[in-house]
PDB file of N, CA and C in Angstrom:
ATOM      1  N   MET A   1      10.758 -66.737  18.501  1.00  0.00           N
ATOM      2  CA  MET A   1      11.030 -65.496  17.810  1.00  0.00           C
ATOM      3  C   MET A   1       9.881 -65.160  16.875  1.00  0.00           C
ATOM      4  N   ARG A   2       9.453 -66.215  16.186  1.00  0.00           N
ATOM      5  CA  ARG A   2       8.358 -66.009  15.247  1.00  0.00           C
ATOM      6  C   ARG A   2       7.087 -65.612  15.990  1.00  0.00           C
ATOM      7  N   SER A   3       6.827 -66.249  17.091  1.00  0.00           N
ATOM      8  CA  SER A   3       5.662 -65.969  17.918  1.00  0.00           C
ATOM      9  C   SER A   3       5.729 -64.545  18.463  1.00  0.00           C
ATOM     10  N   ARG A   4       6.934 -64.150  18.829  1.00  0.00           N
ATOM     11  CA  ARG A   4       7.123 -62.782  19.331  1.00  0.00           C
ATOM     12  C   ARG A   4       6.872 -61.771  18.228  1.00  0.00           C
ATOM     13  N   ALA A   5       7.352 -62.036  17.034  1.00  0.00           N
ATOM     14  CA  ALA A   5       7.128 -61.140  15.900  1.00  0.00           C
ATOM     15  C   ALA A   5       5.644 -61.059  15.583  1.00  0.00           C
ATOM     16  N   LEU A   6       4.949 -62.207  15.640  1.00  0.00           N
ATOM     17  CA  LEU A   6       3.504 -62.207  15.383  1.00  0.00           C
ATOM     18  C   LEU A   6       2.769 -61.403  16.455  1.00  0.00           C
ATOM     19  N   GLN A   7       3.229 -61.547  17.680  1.00  0.00           N
ATOM     20  CA  GLN A   7       2.598 -60.819  18.778  1.00  0.00           C
ATOM     21  C   GLN A   7       2.824 -59.311  18.614  1.00  0.00           C
ATOM     22  N   GLU A   8       4.045 -58.927  18.232  1.00  0.00           N
ATOM     23  CA  GLU A   8       4.341 -57.510  18.005  1.00  0.00           C
ATOM     24  C   GLU A   8       3.509 -56.971  16.845  1.00  0.00           C
ATOM     25  N   ASN A   9       3.389 -57.774  15.796  1.00  0.00           N
ATOM     26  CA  ASN A   9       2.561 -57.363  14.655  1.00  0.00           C
ATOM     27  C   ASN A   9       1.101 -57.212  15.056  1.00  0.00           C
ATOM     28  N   ALA A  10       0.634 -58.111  15.881  1.00  0.00           N
ATOM     29  CA  ALA A  10      -0.756 -58.049  16.338  1.00  0.00           C
ATOM     30  C   ALA A  10      -0.969 -56.803  17.191  1.00  0.00           C
ATOM     31  N   GLN A  11      -0.022 -56.520  18.076  1.00  0.00           N
ATOM     32  CA  GLN A  11      -0.130 -55.324  18.918  1.00  0.00           C
ATOM     33  C   GLN A  11      -0.081 -54.055  18.068  1.00  0.00           C
ATOM     34  N   GLU A  12       0.817 -54.080  17.087  1.00  0.00           N
ATOM     35  CA  GLU A  12       0.926 -52.928  16.194  1.00  0.00           C
ATOM     36  C   GLU A  12      -0.360 -52.758  15.390  1.00  0.00           C
ATOM     37  N   ALA A  13      -0.927 -53.843  14.949  1.00  0.00           N
ATOM     38  CA  ALA A  13      -2.178 -53.791  14.195  1.00  0.00           C
ATOM     39  C   ALA A  13      -3.299 -53.240  15.076  1.00  0.00           C
ATOM     40  N   LEU A  14      -3.345 -53.683  16.336  1.00  0.00           N
ATOM     41  CA  LEU A  14      -4.352 -53.170  17.271  1.00  0.00           C
ATOM     42  C   LEU A  14      -4.165 -51.670  17.518  1.00  0.00           C
ATOM     43  N   MET A  15      -2.908 -51.287  17.664  1.00  0.00           N
ATOM     44  CA  MET A  15      -2.608 -49.884  17.901  1.00  0.00           C
ATOM     45  C   MET A  15      -3.015 -49.034  16.691  1.00  0.00           C
ATOM     46  N   ARG A  16      -2.704 -49.507  15.522  1.00  0.00           N
ATOM     47  CA  ARG A  16      -3.071 -48.783  14.304  1.00  0.00           C
ATOM     48  C   ARG A  16      -4.596 -48.750  14.128  1.00  0.00           C
ATOM     49  N   GLU A  17      -5.238 -49.841  14.494  1.00  0.00           N
ATOM     50  CA  GLU A  17      -6.695 -49.895  14.404  1.00  0.00           C
ATOM     51  C   GLU A  17      -7.316 -48.873  15.366  1.00  0.00           C
ATOM     52  N   ARG A  18      -6.761 -48.782  16.573  1.00  0.00           N
ATOM     53  CA  ARG A  18      -7.253 -47.800  17.540  1.00  0.00           C
ATOM     54  C   ARG A  18      -7.007 -46.387  17.023  1.00  0.00           C
ATOM     55  N   GLU A  19      -5.829 -46.140  16.481  1.00  0.00           N
ATOM     56  CA  GLU A  19      -5.519 -44.830  15.908  1.00  0.00           C
ATOM     57  C   GLU A  19      -6.474 -44.494  14.756  1.00  0.00           C
ATOM     58  N   LEU A  20      -6.778 -45.494  13.946  1.00  0.00           N
ATOM     59  CA  LEU A  20      -7.710 -45.295  12.831  1.00  0.00           C
ATOM     60  C   LEU A  20      -9.095 -44.917  13.362  1.00  0.00           C
ATOM     61  N   ARG A  21      -9.561 -45.617  14.385  1.00  0.00           N
ATOM     62  CA  ARG A  21     -10.868 -45.309  14.982  1.00  0.00           C
ATOM     63  C   ARG A  21     -10.870 -43.886  15.554  1.00  0.00           C
ATOM     64  N   GLU A  22      -9.805 -43.507  16.233  1.00  0.00           N
ATOM     65  CA  GLU A  22      -9.706 -42.158  16.797  1.00  0.00           C
ATOM     66  C   GLU A  22      -9.690 -41.101  15.682  1.00  0.00           C
ATOM     67  N   THR A  23      -8.957 -41.410  14.631  1.00  0.00           N
ATOM     68  CA  THR A  23      -8.904 -40.484  13.495  1.00  0.00           C
ATOM     69  C   THR A  23     -10.267 -40.371  12.823  1.00  0.00           C
ATOM     70  N   GLN A  24     -10.956 -41.487  12.680  1.00  0.00           N
ATOM     71  CA  GLN A  24     -12.297 -41.459  12.093  1.00  0.00           C
ATOM     72  C   GLN A  24     -13.258 -40.676  12.986  1.00  0.00           C
ATOM     73  N   ALA A  25     -13.125 -40.839  14.301  1.00  0.00           N
ATOM     74  CA  ALA A  25     -13.974 -40.089  15.234  1.00  0.00           C
ATOM     75  C   ALA A  25     -13.679 -38.586  15.123  1.00  0.00           C
ATOM     76  N   ASP A  26     -12.380 -38.245  15.032  1.00  0.00           N
ATOM     77  CA  ASP A  26     -12.002 -36.840  14.848  1.00  0.00           C
ATOM     78  C   ASP A  26     -12.572 -36.288  13.539  1.00  0.00           C
ATOM     79  N   LEU A  27     -12.485 -37.093  12.500  1.00  0.00           N
ATOM     80  CA  LEU A  27     -13.013 -36.679  11.203  1.00  0.00           C
ATOM     81  C   LEU A  27     -14.516 -36.437  11.292  1.00  0.00           C
ATOM     82  N   GLU A  28     -15.222 -37.312  11.970  1.00  0.00           N
ATOM     83  CA  GLU A  28     -16.673 -37.153  12.122  1.00  0.00           C
ATOM     84  C   GLU A  28     -16.998 -35.897  12.926  1.00  0.00           C
ATOM     85  N   ARG A  29     -16.216 -35.644  13.996  1.00  0.00           N
ATOM     86  CA  ARG A  29     -16.415 -34.414  14.773  1.00  0.00           C
ATOM     87  C   ARG A  29     -16.170 -33.191  13.901  1.00  0.00           C
ATOM     88  N   CYS A  30     -15.126 -33.242  13.085  1.00  0.00           N
ATOM     89  CA  CYS A  30     -14.829 -32.128  12.185  1.00  0.00           C
ATOM     90  C   CYS A  30     -15.958 -31.922  11.170  1.00  0.00           C
ATOM     91  N   ARG A  31     -16.502 -33.003  10.650  1.00  0.00           N
ATOM     92  CA  ARG A  31     -17.627 -32.907   9.705  1.00  0.00           C
ATOM     93  C   ARG A  31     -18.839 -32.269  10.383  1.00  0.00           C
ATOM     94  N   MET A  32     -19.103 -32.692  11.618  1.00  0.00           N
ATOM     95  CA  MET A  32     -20.241 -32.129  12.345  1.00  0.00           C
ATOM     96  C   MET A  32     -20.025 -30.632  12.623  1.00  0.00           C
ATOM     97  N   GLU A  33     -18.814 -30.277  13.022  1.00  0.00           N
ATOM     98  CA  GLU A  33     -18.507 -28.862  13.253  1.00  0.00           C
ATOM     99  C   GLU A  33     -18.647 -28.061  11.965  1.00  0.00           C
ATOM    100  N   ARG A  34     -18.162 -28.632  10.860  1.00  0.00           N
ATOM    101  CA  ARG A  34     -18.280 -27.955   9.568  1.00  0.00           C
ATOM    102  C   ARG A  34     -19.751 -27.740   9.225  1.00  0.00           C
ATOM    103  N   ASP A  35     -20.564 -28.772   9.451  1.00  0.00           N
ATOM    104  CA  ASP A  35     -21.994 -28.651   9.176  1.00  0.00           C
ATOM    105  C   ASP A  35     -22.624 -27.556  10.032  1.00  0.00           C
ATOM    106  N   GLU A  36     -22.220 -27.489  11.300  1.00  0.00           N
ATOM    107  CA  GLU A  36     -22.745 -26.437  12.178  1.00  0.00           C
ATOM    108  C   GLU A  36     -22.318 -25.051  11.697  1.00  0.00           C
ATOM    109  N   TRP A  37     -21.046 -24.930  11.290  1.00  0.00           N
ATOM    110  CA  TRP A  37     -20.563 -23.642  10.785  1.00  0.00           C
ATOM    111  C   TRP A  37     -21.294 -23.253   9.505  1.00  0.00           C
ATOM    112  N   GLU A  38     -21.525 -24.209   8.632  1.00  0.00           N
ATOM    113  CA  GLU A  38     -22.252 -23.923   7.390  1.00  0.00           C
ATOM    114  C   GLU A  38     -23.681 -23.481   7.689  1.00  0.00           C
ATOM    115  N   ARG A  39     -24.324 -24.153   8.661  1.00  0.00           N
ATOM    116  CA  ARG A  39     -25.682 -23.778   9.044  1.00  0.00           C
ATOM    117  C   ARG A  39     -25.693 -22.365   9.625  1.00  0.00           C
ATOM    118  N   ALA A  40     -24.727 -22.068  10.482  1.00  0.00           N
ATOM    119  CA  ALA A  40     -24.637 -20.734  11.071  1.00  0.00           C
ATOM    120  C   ALA A  40     -24.386 -19.687   9.991  1.00  0.00           C
ATOM    121  N   LEU A  41     -23.550 -20.029   9.018  1.00  0.00           N
ATOM    122  CA  LEU A  41     -23.268 -19.107   7.920  1.00  0.00           C
ATOM    123  C   LEU A  41     -24.530 -18.823   7.114  1.00  0.00           C
ATOM    124  N   LEU A  42     -25.293 -19.856   6.828  1.00  0.00           N
ATOM    125  CA  LEU A  42     -26.541 -19.662   6.088  1.00  0.00           C
ATOM    126  C   LEU A  42     -27.508 -18.787   6.877  1.00  0.00           C
ATOM    127  N   GLU A  43     -27.596 -19.018   8.189  1.00  0.00           N
ATOM    128  CA  GLU A  43     -28.468 -18.184   9.019  1.00  0.00           C
ATOM    129  C   GLU A  43     -28.009 -16.732   8.990  1.00  0.00           C
ATOM    130  N   GLU A  44     -26.698 -16.511   9.071  1.00  0.00           N
ATOM    131  CA  GLU A  44     -26.159 -15.149   9.019  1.00  0.00           C
ATOM    132  C   GLU A  44     -26.454 -14.496   7.673  1.00  0.00           C
ATOM    133  N   ARG A  45     -26.374 -15.269   6.614  1.00  0.00           N
ATOM    134  CA  ARG A  45     -26.698 -14.715   5.293  1.00  0.00           C
ATOM    135  C   ARG A  45     -28.156 -14.288   5.223  1.00  0.00           C
ATOM    136  N   VAL A  46     -29.034 -15.109   5.798  1.00  0.00           N
ATOM    137  CA  VAL A  46     -30.459 -14.760   5.816  1.00  0.00           C
ATOM    138  C   VAL A  46     -30.658 -13.465   6.602  1.00  0.00           C
ATOM    139  N   VAL A  47     -30.039 -13.384   7.778  1.00  0.00           N
ATOM    140  CA  VAL A  47     -30.166 -12.183   8.601  1.00  0.00           C
ATOM    141  C   VAL A  47     -29.617 -10.969   7.847  1.00  0.00           C
ATOM    142  N   THR A  48     -28.475 -11.141   7.203  1.00  0.00           N
ATOM    143  CA  THR A  48     -27.865 -10.045   6.442  1.00  0.00           C
ATOM    144  C   THR A  48     -28.767  -9.618   5.297  1.00  0.00           C
ATOM    145  N   ASP A  49     -29.314 -10.580   4.567  1.00  0.00           N
ATOM    146  CA  ASP A  49     -30.207 -10.247   3.459  1.00  0.00           C
ATOM    147  C   ASP A  49     -31.452  -9.523   3.953  1.00  0.00           C
ATOM    148  N   GLU A  50     -32.007  -9.981   5.076  1.00  0.00           N
ATOM    149  CA  GLU A  50     -33.185  -9.315   5.632  1.00  0.00           C
ATOM    150  C   GLU A  50     -32.844  -7.897   6.064  1.00  0.00           C
ATOM    151  N   ALA A  51     -31.691  -7.719   6.686  1.00  0.00           N
ATOM    152  CA  ALA A  51     -31.264  -6.382   7.118  1.00  0.00           C
ATOM    153  C   ALA A  51     -31.046  -5.479   5.913  1.00  0.00           C
ATOM    154  N   ARG A  52     -30.438  -6.022   4.874  1.00  0.00           N
ATOM    155  CA  ARG A  52     -30.203  -5.247   3.656  1.00  0.00           C
ATOM    156  C   ARG A  52     -31.538  -4.823   3.028  1.00  0.00           C
ATOM    157  N   ALA A  53     -32.496  -5.737   2.979  1.00  0.00           N
ATOM    158  CA  ALA A  53     -33.818  -5.419   2.414  1.00  0.00           C
ATOM    159  C   ALA A  53     -34.515  -4.357   3.266  1.00  0.00           C
ATOM    160  N   ALA A  54     -34.407  -4.483   4.585  1.00  0.00           N
ATOM    161  CA  ALA A  54     -35.023  -3.490   5.471  1.00  0.00           C
ATOM    162  C   ALA A  54     -34.373  -2.125   5.279  1.00  0.00           C
ATOM    163  N   LEU A  55     -33.060  -2.111   5.134  1.00  0.00           N
ATOM    164  CA  LEU A  55     -32.349  -0.857   4.905  1.00  0.00           C
ATOM    165  C   LEU A  55     -32.796  -0.216   3.599  1.00  0.00           C
ATOM    166  N   GLU A  56     -32.913  -1.011   2.548  1.00  0.00           N
ATOM    167  CA  GLU A  56     -33.366  -0.483   1.265  1.00  0.00           C
ATOM    168  C   GLU A  56     -34.776   0.079   1.377  1.00  0.00           C
ATOM    169  N   SER A  57     -35.638  -0.616   2.104  1.00  0.00           N
ATOM    170  CA  SER A  57     -37.013  -0.160   2.287  1.00  0.00           C
ATOM    171  C   SER A  57     -37.038   1.168   3.041  1.00  0.00           C
ATOM    172  N   VAL A  58     -36.279   1.251   4.124  1.00  0.00           N
ATOM    173  CA  VAL A  58     -36.231   2.483   4.904  1.00  0.00           C
ATOM    174  C   VAL A  58     -35.631   3.617   4.071  1.00  0.00           C
ATOM    175  N   THR A  59     -34.629   3.305   3.283  1.00  0.00           N
ATOM    176  CA  THR A  59     -34.018   4.324   2.429  1.00  0.00           C
ATOM    177  C   THR A  59     -35.028   4.846   1.418  1.00  0.00           C
ATOM    178  N   ARG A  60     -35.819   3.930   0.803  1.00  0.00           N
ATOM    179  CA  ARG A  60     -36.859   4.363  -0.129  1.00  0.00           C
ATOM    180  C   ARG A  60     -37.900   5.225   0.575  1.00  0.00           C
ATOM    181  N   ASP A  61     -38.329   4.782   1.768  1.00  0.00           N
ATOM    182  CA  ASP A  61     -39.309   5.558   2.531  1.00  0.00           C
ATOM    183  C   ASP A  61     -38.768   6.939   2.867  1.00  0.00           C
ATOM    184  N   LEU A  62     -37.504   6.994   3.255  1.00  0.00           N
ATOM    185  CA  LEU A  62     -36.880   8.273   3.580  1.00  0.00           C
ATOM    186  C   LEU A  62     -36.852   9.185   2.365  1.00  0.00           C
ATOM    187  N   GLU A  63     -36.528   8.639   1.211  1.00  0.00           N
ATOM    188  CA  GLU A  63     -36.496   9.437  -0.019  1.00  0.00           C
ATOM    189  C   GLU A  63     -37.892   9.949  -0.362  1.00  0.00           C
ATOM    190  N   ILE A  64     -38.901   9.099  -0.201  1.00  0.00           N
ATOM    191  CA  ILE A  64     -40.286   9.519  -0.463  1.00  0.00           C
ATOM    192  C   ILE A  64     -40.671  10.654   0.480  1.00  0.00           C
ATOM    193  N   GLU A  65     -40.323  10.504   1.755  1.00  0.00           N
ATOM    194  CA  GLU A  65     -40.644  11.549   2.734  1.00  0.00           C
ATOM    195  C   GLU A  65     -39.890  12.838   2.428  1.00  0.00           C
ATOM    196  N   ARG A  66     -38.646  12.724   1.996  1.00  0.00           N
ATOM    197  CA  ARG A  66     -37.864  13.920   1.653  1.00  0.00           C
ATOM    198  C   ARG A  66     -38.499  14.655   0.480  1.00  0.00           C
ATOM    199  N   GLU A  67     -38.907  13.887  -0.535  1.00  0.00           N
ATOM    200  CA  GLU A  67     -39.555  14.501  -1.691  1.00  0.00           C
ATOM    201  C   GLU A  67     -40.875  15.160  -1.295  1.00  0.00           C
ATOM    202  N   ALA A  68     -41.637  14.508  -0.418  1.00  0.00           N
ATOM    203  CA  ALA A  68     -42.903  15.079   0.041  1.00  0.00           C
ATOM    204  C   ALA A  68     -42.647  16.375   0.819  1.00  0.00           C
ATOM    205  N   ARG A  69     -41.613  16.367   1.655  1.00  0.00           N
ATOM    206  CA  ARG A  69     -41.266  17.571   2.415  1.00  0.00           C
ATOM    207  C   ARG A  69     -40.875  18.707   1.480  1.00  0.00           C
ATOM    208  N   GLU A  70     -40.131  18.403   0.428  1.00  0.00           N
ATOM    209  CA  GLU A  70     -39.746  19.427  -0.541  1.00  0.00           C
ATOM    210  C   GLU A  70     -40.981  19.995  -1.245  1.00  0.00           C
ATOM    211  N   ARG A  71     -41.905  19.092  -1.631  1.00  0.00           N
ATOM    212  CA  ARG A  71     -43.139  19.572  -2.279  1.00  0.00           C
ATOM    213  C   ARG A  71     -43.929  20.469  -1.335  1.00  0.00           C
ATOM    214  N   GLU A  72     -44.043  20.044  -0.081  1.00  0.00           N
ATOM    215  CA  GLU A  72     -44.776  20.832   0.898  1.00  0.00           C
ATOM    216  C   GLU A  72     -44.103  22.177   1.147  1.00  0.00           C
ATOM    217  N   ALA A  73     -42.780  22.187   1.175  1.00  0.00           N
ATOM    218  CA  ALA A  73     -42.051  23.448   1.356  1.00  0.00           C
ATOM    219  C   ALA A  73     -42.305  24.358   0.163  1.00  0.00           C
ATOM    220  N   ASP A  74     -42.331  23.803  -1.043  1.00  0.00           N
ATOM    221  CA  ASP A  74     -42.631  24.607  -2.239  1.00  0.00           C
ATOM    222  C   ASP A  74     -44.051  25.159  -2.169  1.00  0.00           C
ATOM    223  N   GLU A  75     -45.006  24.300  -1.777  1.00  0.00           N
ATOM    224  CA  GLU A  75     -46.400  24.743  -1.650  1.00  0.00           C
ATOM    225  C   GLU A  75     -46.526  25.825  -0.577  1.00  0.00           C
ATOM    226  N   LEU A  76     -45.819  25.683   0.513  1.00  0.00           N
ATOM    227  CA  LEU A  76     -45.840  26.681   1.575  1.00  0.00           C
ATOM    228  C   LEU A  76     -45.301  28.010   1.066  1.00  0.00           C
ATOM    229  N   ALA A  77     -44.216  27.969   0.291  1.00  0.00           N
ATOM    230  CA  ALA A  77     -43.653  29.203  -0.260  1.00  0.00           C
ATOM    231  C   ALA A  77     -44.660  29.881  -1.181  1.00  0.00           C
ATOM    232  N   VAL A  78     -45.370  29.099  -1.990  1.00  0.00           N
ATOM    233  CA  VAL A  78     -46.384  29.661  -2.890  1.00  0.00           C
ATOM    234  C   VAL A  78     -47.514  30.291  -2.070  1.00  0.00           C
ATOM    235  N   GLU A  79     -47.968  29.591  -1.045  1.00  0.00           N
ATOM    236  CA  GLU A  79     -49.057  30.114  -0.205  1.00  0.00           C
ATOM    237  C   GLU A  79     -48.618  31.375   0.537  1.00  0.00           C
ATOM    238  N   ARG A  80     -47.384  31.408   0.990  1.00  0.00           N
ATOM    239  CA  ARG A  80     -46.885  32.621   1.654  1.00  0.00           C
ATOM    240  C   ARG A  80     -46.849  33.792   0.683  1.00  0.00           C
ATOM    241  N   GLU A  81     -46.432  33.509  -0.526  1.00  0.00           N
ATOM    242  CA  GLU A  81     -46.411  34.568  -1.548  1.00  0.00           C
ATOM    243  C   GLU A  81     -47.822  35.090  -1.802  1.00  0.00           C
ATOM    244  N   LYS A  82     -48.778  34.152  -1.892  1.00  0.00           N
ATOM    245  CA  LYS A  82     -50.177  34.566  -2.070  1.00  0.00           C
ATOM    246  C   LYS A  82     -50.645  35.411  -0.888  1.00  0.00           C
ATOM    247  N   ALA A  83     -50.317  34.990   0.318  1.00  0.00           N
ATOM    248  CA  ALA A  83     -50.711  35.724   1.519  1.00  0.00           C
ATOM    249  C   ALA A  83     -50.087  37.112   1.519  1.00  0.00           C
ATOM    250  N   ASN A  84     -48.825  37.191   1.139  1.00  0.00           N
ATOM    251  CA  ASN A  84     -48.155  38.490   1.070  1.00  0.00           C
ATOM    252  C   ASN A  84     -48.835  39.388   0.040  1.00  0.00           C
ATOM    253  N   ASN A  85     -49.180  38.806  -1.115  1.00  0.00           N
ATOM    254  CA  ASN A  85     -49.867  39.583  -2.154  1.00  0.00           C
ATOM    255  C   ASN A  85     -51.227  40.074  -1.654  1.00  0.00           C
ATOM    256  N   LEU A  86     -51.973  39.184  -0.990  1.00  0.00           N
ATOM    257  CA  LEU A  86     -53.274  39.584  -0.451  1.00  0.00           C
ATOM    258  C   LEU A  86     -53.115  40.666   0.624  1.00  0.00           C
ATOM    259  N   GLN A  87     -52.096  40.515   1.448  1.00  0.00           N
ATOM    260  CA  GLN A  87     -51.839  41.523   2.478  1.00  0.00           C
ATOM    261  C   GLN A  87     -51.529  42.864   1.832  1.00  0.00           C
ATOM    262  N   SER A  88     -50.743  42.834   0.778  1.00  0.00           N
ATOM    263  CA  SER A  88     -50.397  44.065   0.065  1.00  0.00           C
ATOM    264  C   SER A  88     -51.637  44.702  -0.551  1.00  0.00           C
ATOM    265  N   VAL A  89     -52.488  43.879  -1.169  1.00  0.00           N
ATOM    266  CA  VAL A  89     -53.732  44.392  -1.761  1.00  0.00           C
ATOM    267  C   VAL A  89     -54.615  44.986  -0.673  1.00  0.00           C
ATOM    268  N   LEU A  90     -54.723  44.293   0.471  1.00  0.00           N
ATOM    269  CA  LEU A  90     -55.530  44.794   1.577  1.00  0.00           C
ATOM    270  C   LEU A  90     -54.994  46.124   2.079  1.00  0.00           C
ATOM    271  N   GLU A  91     -53.680  46.201   2.229  1.00  0.00           N
ATOM    272  CA  GLU A  91     -53.082  47.460   2.692  1.00  0.00           C
ATOM    273  C   GLU A  91     -53.338  48.577   1.682  1.00  0.00           C
ATOM    274  N   ASP A  92     -53.210  48.263   0.385  1.00  0.00           N
ATOM    275  CA  ASP A  92     -53.497  49.268  -0.648  1.00  0.00           C
ATOM    276  C   ASP A  92     -54.960  49.692  -0.584  1.00  0.00           C
ATOM    277  N   PHE A  93     -55.855  48.725  -0.390  1.00  0.00           N
ATOM    278  CA  PHE A  93     -57.285  49.013  -0.314  1.00  0.00           C
ATOM    279  C   PHE A  93     -57.581  49.895   0.894  1.00  0.00           C
ATOM    280  N   GLN A  94     -56.990  49.521   2.055  1.00  0.00           N
ATOM    281  CA  GLN A  94     -57.217  50.305   3.263  1.00  0.00           C
ATOM    282  C   GLN A  94     -56.636  51.703   3.126  1.00  0.00           C
ATOM    283  N   ALA A  95     -55.472  51.795   2.510  1.00  0.00           N
ATOM    284  CA  ALA A  95     -54.859  53.117   2.306  1.00  0.00           C
ATOM    285  C   ALA A  95     -55.737  53.949   1.383  1.00  0.00           C
ATOM    286  N   GLY A  96     -56.297  53.324   0.341  1.00  0.00           N
ATOM    287  CA  GLY A  96     -57.196  54.035  -0.576  1.00  0.00           C
ATOM    288  C   GLY A  96     -58.465  54.448   0.127  1.00  0.00           C
ATOM    289  N   LYS A  97     -58.986  53.636   0.991  1.00  0.00           N
ATOM    290  CA  LYS A  97     -60.207  53.929   1.720  1.00  0.00           C
ATOM    291  C   LYS A  97     -59.987  55.106   2.662  1.00  0.00           C
ATOM    292  N   LEU A  98     -58.826  55.103   3.316  1.00  0.00           N
ATOM    293  CA  LEU A  98     -58.493  56.226   4.200  1.00  0.00           C
ATOM    294  C   LEU A  98     -58.339  57.514   3.402  1.00  0.00           C
ATOM    295  N   PHE A  99     -57.782  57.383   2.211  1.00  0.00           N
ATOM    296  CA  PHE A  99     -57.557  58.548   1.364  1.00  0.00           C
ATOM    297  C   PHE A  99     -58.918  59.129   0.954  1.00  0.00           C
ATOM    298  N   VAL A 100     -59.872  58.258   0.616  1.00  0.00           N
ATOM    299  CA  VAL A 100     -61.192  58.695   0.181  1.00  0.00           C
ATOM    300  C   VAL A 100     -61.915  59.381   1.330  1.00  0.00           C
ATOM    301  N   HIS A 101     -61.807  58.855   2.560  1.00  0.00           N
ATOM    302  CA  HIS A 101     -62.484  59.439   3.717  1.00  0.00           C
ATOM    303  C   HIS A 101     -61.871  60.768   4.119  1.00  0.00           C
ATOM    304  N   SER A 102     -60.590  60.924   3.897  1.00  0.00           N
ATOM    305  CA  SER A 102     -59.948  62.170   4.301  1.00  0.00           C
ATOM    306  C   SER A 102     -60.210  63.285   3.313  1.00  0.00           C
ATOM    307  N   VAL A 103     -60.634  63.019   2.108  1.00  0.00           N
ATOM    308  CA  VAL A 103     -60.891  64.045   1.090  1.00  0.00           C
ATOM    309  C   VAL A 103     -62.220  64.640   1.270  1.00  0.00           C
TER     310      VAL A 103
END
């Protein structure tokens, strides 16, 4: 009876030892997976930060271009006004010249 109890205890100890090894192996696999997920997360953060920086850069460039376009549109309006004024002066001059020749 005693020998049988010792044998059962030994088998139980072996079984628990095997379960412990399997659990430790599972734990190690989980640690490795966690490490991989953490590495992937860090890579995603880098990609996100780079994308955010690129977006900010493009947004700044777009704003600079918009401001330049507005300045150019203002300059164009001024030049058109000057051209209109010169055209008006020319027309007045030509009308005066015609008036002088007809008299």
